[in-house]
Amino acid sequence: MKNKAKIFLDKQQLICAGEWCLAELANLEKSAVTLTWPSIGTIKIDCSNFTKLDITCSWLLFQIQKK
């Protein structure tokens, strides 16, 4: 895998990058659980650095954005 999937918060922005595919799902879920969400404000989701996104990880992204 060339571009390991990543998810992290940078102030009020959720950065999603790399190859979001089934092989990375477990790692992404672990990373998502450890995120410390800001208590106020709106979070912008930045997906501009995706190199791949499959249906399993798009569902994860959908679940994350509902928080």
N, C-alpha and C. Protein backbone atom coordinates (compact mmCIF):
# COMPACT_ATOMS: atom_id res chain seq x y z
N MET A 1 0.84 -1.18 0.00
CA MET A 1 0.00 0.00 0.00
C MET A 1 0.88 1.24 0.00
N LYS A 2 0.67 2.11 -0.96
CA LYS A 2 1.50 3.29 -1.12
C LYS A 2 1.21 4.37 -0.09
N ASN A 3 -0.05 4.75 0.01
CA ASN A 3 -0.46 5.85 0.85
C ASN A 3 -1.30 5.36 2.01
N LYS A 4 -0.68 5.13 3.15
CA LYS A 4 -1.39 4.64 4.32
C LYS A 4 -2.51 5.61 4.69
N ALA A 5 -3.65 5.08 5.05
CA ALA A 5 -4.80 5.90 5.42
C ALA A 5 -4.52 6.61 6.74
N LYS A 6 -4.96 7.87 6.80
CA LYS A 6 -4.76 8.68 7.99
C LYS A 6 -6.02 9.47 8.29
N ILE A 7 -6.24 9.70 9.58
CA ILE A 7 -7.31 10.58 10.03
C ILE A 7 -6.81 11.27 11.28
N PHE A 8 -6.93 12.60 11.31
CA PHE A 8 -6.50 13.35 12.49
C PHE A 8 -7.17 14.72 12.49
N LEU A 9 -7.22 15.31 13.68
CA LEU A 9 -7.79 16.64 13.83
C LEU A 9 -6.68 17.68 13.84
N ASP A 10 -6.93 18.77 13.13
CA ASP A 10 -6.04 19.93 13.14
C ASP A 10 -6.93 21.13 13.44
N LYS A 11 -6.98 21.52 14.70
CA LYS A 11 -7.87 22.57 15.18
C LYS A 11 -9.32 22.19 14.88
N GLN A 12 -9.99 22.93 14.01
CA GLN A 12 -11.40 22.67 13.70
C GLN A 12 -11.55 21.92 12.37
N GLN A 13 -10.52 21.20 11.99
CA GLN A 13 -10.56 20.50 10.70
C GLN A 13 -10.18 19.04 10.89
N LEU A 14 -11.01 18.15 10.36
CA LEU A 14 -10.72 16.72 10.35
C LEU A 14 -10.05 16.40 9.03
N ILE A 15 -8.81 15.96 9.09
CA ILE A 15 -8.04 15.65 7.89
C ILE A 15 -8.13 14.15 7.61
N CYS A 16 -8.55 13.81 6.41
CA CYS A 16 -8.64 12.43 5.96
C CYS A 16 -7.74 12.30 4.74
N ALA A 17 -6.81 11.36 4.77
CA ALA A 17 -5.85 11.26 3.68
C ALA A 17 -5.47 9.81 3.42
N GLY A 18 -4.90 9.58 2.25
CA GLY A 18 -4.38 8.27 1.90
C GLY A 18 -5.41 7.35 1.28
N GLU A 19 -5.09 6.06 1.31
CA GLU A 19 -5.95 5.03 0.71
C GLU A 19 -6.92 4.49 1.75
N TRP A 20 -8.14 4.97 1.69
CA TRP A 20 -9.19 4.51 2.59
C TRP A 20 -9.86 3.31 1.93
N CYS A 21 -9.41 2.13 2.31
CA CYS A 21 -9.94 0.89 1.73
C CYS A 21 -10.09 -0.16 2.83
N LEU A 22 -10.71 -1.25 2.50
CA LEU A 22 -11.01 -2.30 3.47
C LEU A 22 -9.78 -2.73 4.26
N ALA A 23 -8.64 -2.81 3.63
CA ALA A 23 -7.41 -3.23 4.31
C ALA A 23 -7.01 -2.26 5.43
N GLU A 24 -7.46 -1.01 5.36
CA GLU A 24 -7.12 0.01 6.35
C GLU A 24 -8.23 0.28 7.36
N LEU A 25 -9.37 -0.38 7.19
CA LEU A 25 -10.55 -0.07 8.00
C LEU A 25 -10.28 -0.19 9.49
N ALA A 26 -9.69 -1.26 9.93
CA ALA A 26 -9.45 -1.45 11.38
C ALA A 26 -8.56 -0.35 11.94
N ASN A 27 -7.52 0.02 11.22
CA ASN A 27 -6.64 1.09 11.67
C ASN A 27 -7.37 2.43 11.73
N LEU A 28 -8.20 2.70 10.73
CA LEU A 28 -8.96 3.94 10.72
C LEU A 28 -9.96 3.99 11.87
N GLU A 29 -10.61 2.88 12.15
CA GLU A 29 -11.56 2.83 13.26
C GLU A 29 -10.84 3.11 14.58
N LYS A 30 -9.69 2.52 14.78
CA LYS A 30 -8.91 2.77 16.01
C LYS A 30 -8.52 4.24 16.12
N SER A 31 -8.07 4.80 15.02
CA SER A 31 -7.68 6.22 15.02
C SER A 31 -8.88 7.12 15.30
N ALA A 32 -10.02 6.80 14.70
CA ALA A 32 -11.22 7.63 14.88
C ALA A 32 -11.68 7.63 16.33
N VAL A 33 -11.57 6.50 17.00
CA VAL A 33 -12.00 6.39 18.39
C VAL A 33 -11.14 7.26 19.31
N THR A 34 -9.89 7.44 18.97
CA THR A 34 -8.98 8.20 19.83
C THR A 34 -9.00 9.71 19.58
N LEU A 35 -9.77 10.17 18.61
CA LEU A 35 -9.83 11.59 18.32
C LEU A 35 -10.45 12.35 19.50
N THR A 36 -9.89 13.49 19.83
CA THR A 36 -10.44 14.36 20.85
C THR A 36 -11.16 15.50 20.15
N TRP A 37 -12.47 15.44 20.18
CA TRP A 37 -13.28 16.41 19.45
C TRP A 37 -13.38 17.72 20.23
N PRO A 38 -13.32 18.85 19.53
CA PRO A 38 -13.52 20.15 20.19
C PRO A 38 -14.91 20.21 20.81
N SER A 39 -15.03 20.90 21.92
CA SER A 39 -16.32 20.94 22.61
C SER A 39 -17.31 21.91 21.96
N ILE A 40 -16.80 22.87 21.20
CA ILE A 40 -17.68 23.82 20.52
C ILE A 40 -17.22 24.03 19.09
N GLY A 41 -18.12 24.57 18.29
CA GLY A 41 -17.76 24.93 16.93
C GLY A 41 -18.10 23.86 15.92
N THR A 42 -17.87 24.21 14.68
CA THR A 42 -18.12 23.32 13.56
C THR A 42 -16.80 22.73 13.08
N ILE A 43 -16.84 21.46 12.73
CA ILE A 43 -15.66 20.78 12.21
C ILE A 43 -15.80 20.67 10.69
N LYS A 44 -14.78 21.08 10.00
CA LYS A 44 -14.73 20.91 8.54
C LYS A 44 -14.01 19.59 8.25
N ILE A 45 -14.57 18.80 7.37
CA ILE A 45 -13.94 17.54 6.98
C ILE A 45 -13.21 17.76 5.66
N ASP A 46 -11.90 17.57 5.68
CA ASP A 46 -11.06 17.76 4.50
C ASP A 46 -10.68 16.40 3.92
N CYS A 47 -11.25 16.07 2.79
CA CYS A 47 -10.97 14.79 2.12
C CYS A 47 -10.15 15.00 0.85
N SER A 48 -9.53 16.13 0.73
CA SER A 48 -8.82 16.47 -0.51
C SER A 48 -7.56 15.63 -0.73
N ASN A 49 -7.12 14.94 0.31
CA ASN A 49 -5.90 14.13 0.18
C ASN A 49 -6.17 12.63 0.10
N PHE A 50 -7.42 12.26 -0.20
CA PHE A 50 -7.70 10.85 -0.47
C PHE A 50 -6.98 10.43 -1.75
N THR A 51 -6.39 9.26 -1.72
CA THR A 51 -5.88 8.68 -2.96
C THR A 51 -6.75 7.50 -3.38
N LYS A 52 -7.59 7.04 -2.44
CA LYS A 52 -8.52 5.94 -2.72
C LYS A 52 -9.59 5.97 -1.64
N LEU A 53 -10.82 5.67 -2.03
CA LEU A 53 -11.93 5.58 -1.08
C LEU A 53 -12.88 4.50 -1.56
N ASP A 54 -13.03 3.44 -0.78
CA ASP A 54 -13.99 2.40 -1.17
C ASP A 54 -15.25 2.52 -0.31
N ILE A 55 -16.22 1.70 -0.59
CA ILE A 55 -17.53 1.81 0.05
C ILE A 55 -17.46 1.54 1.56
N THR A 56 -16.61 0.63 2.00
CA THR A 56 -16.54 0.33 3.44
C THR A 56 -16.03 1.55 4.21
N CYS A 57 -15.05 2.22 3.68
CA CYS A 57 -14.50 3.38 4.38
C CYS A 57 -15.36 4.63 4.17
N SER A 58 -16.11 4.67 3.09
CA SER A 58 -17.05 5.79 2.94
C SER A 58 -18.14 5.69 4.00
N TRP A 59 -18.53 4.47 4.37
CA TRP A 59 -19.50 4.28 5.45
C TRP A 59 -18.89 4.75 6.78
N LEU A 60 -17.63 4.44 7.02
CA LEU A 60 -16.95 4.90 8.24
C LEU A 60 -16.94 6.43 8.27
N LEU A 61 -16.62 7.06 7.17
CA LEU A 61 -16.60 8.52 7.10
C LEU A 61 -18.00 9.08 7.38
N PHE A 62 -19.02 8.44 6.86
CA PHE A 62 -20.40 8.85 7.12
C PHE A 62 -20.69 8.78 8.62
N GLN A 63 -20.28 7.70 9.26
CA GLN A 63 -20.51 7.54 10.71
C GLN A 63 -19.75 8.60 11.51
N ILE A 64 -18.55 8.90 11.10
CA ILE A 64 -17.74 9.92 11.79
C ILE A 64 -18.39 11.29 11.68
N GLN A 65 -18.87 11.64 10.50
CA GLN A 65 -19.45 12.96 10.31
C GLN A 65 -20.74 13.15 11.09
N LYS A 66 -21.39 12.07 11.49
CA LYS A 66 -22.61 12.18 12.29
C LYS A 66 -22.31 12.61 13.73
N LYS A 67 -21.05 12.47 14.16
CA LYS A 67 -20.69 12.86 15.53
C LYS A 67 -20.74 14.33 15.62
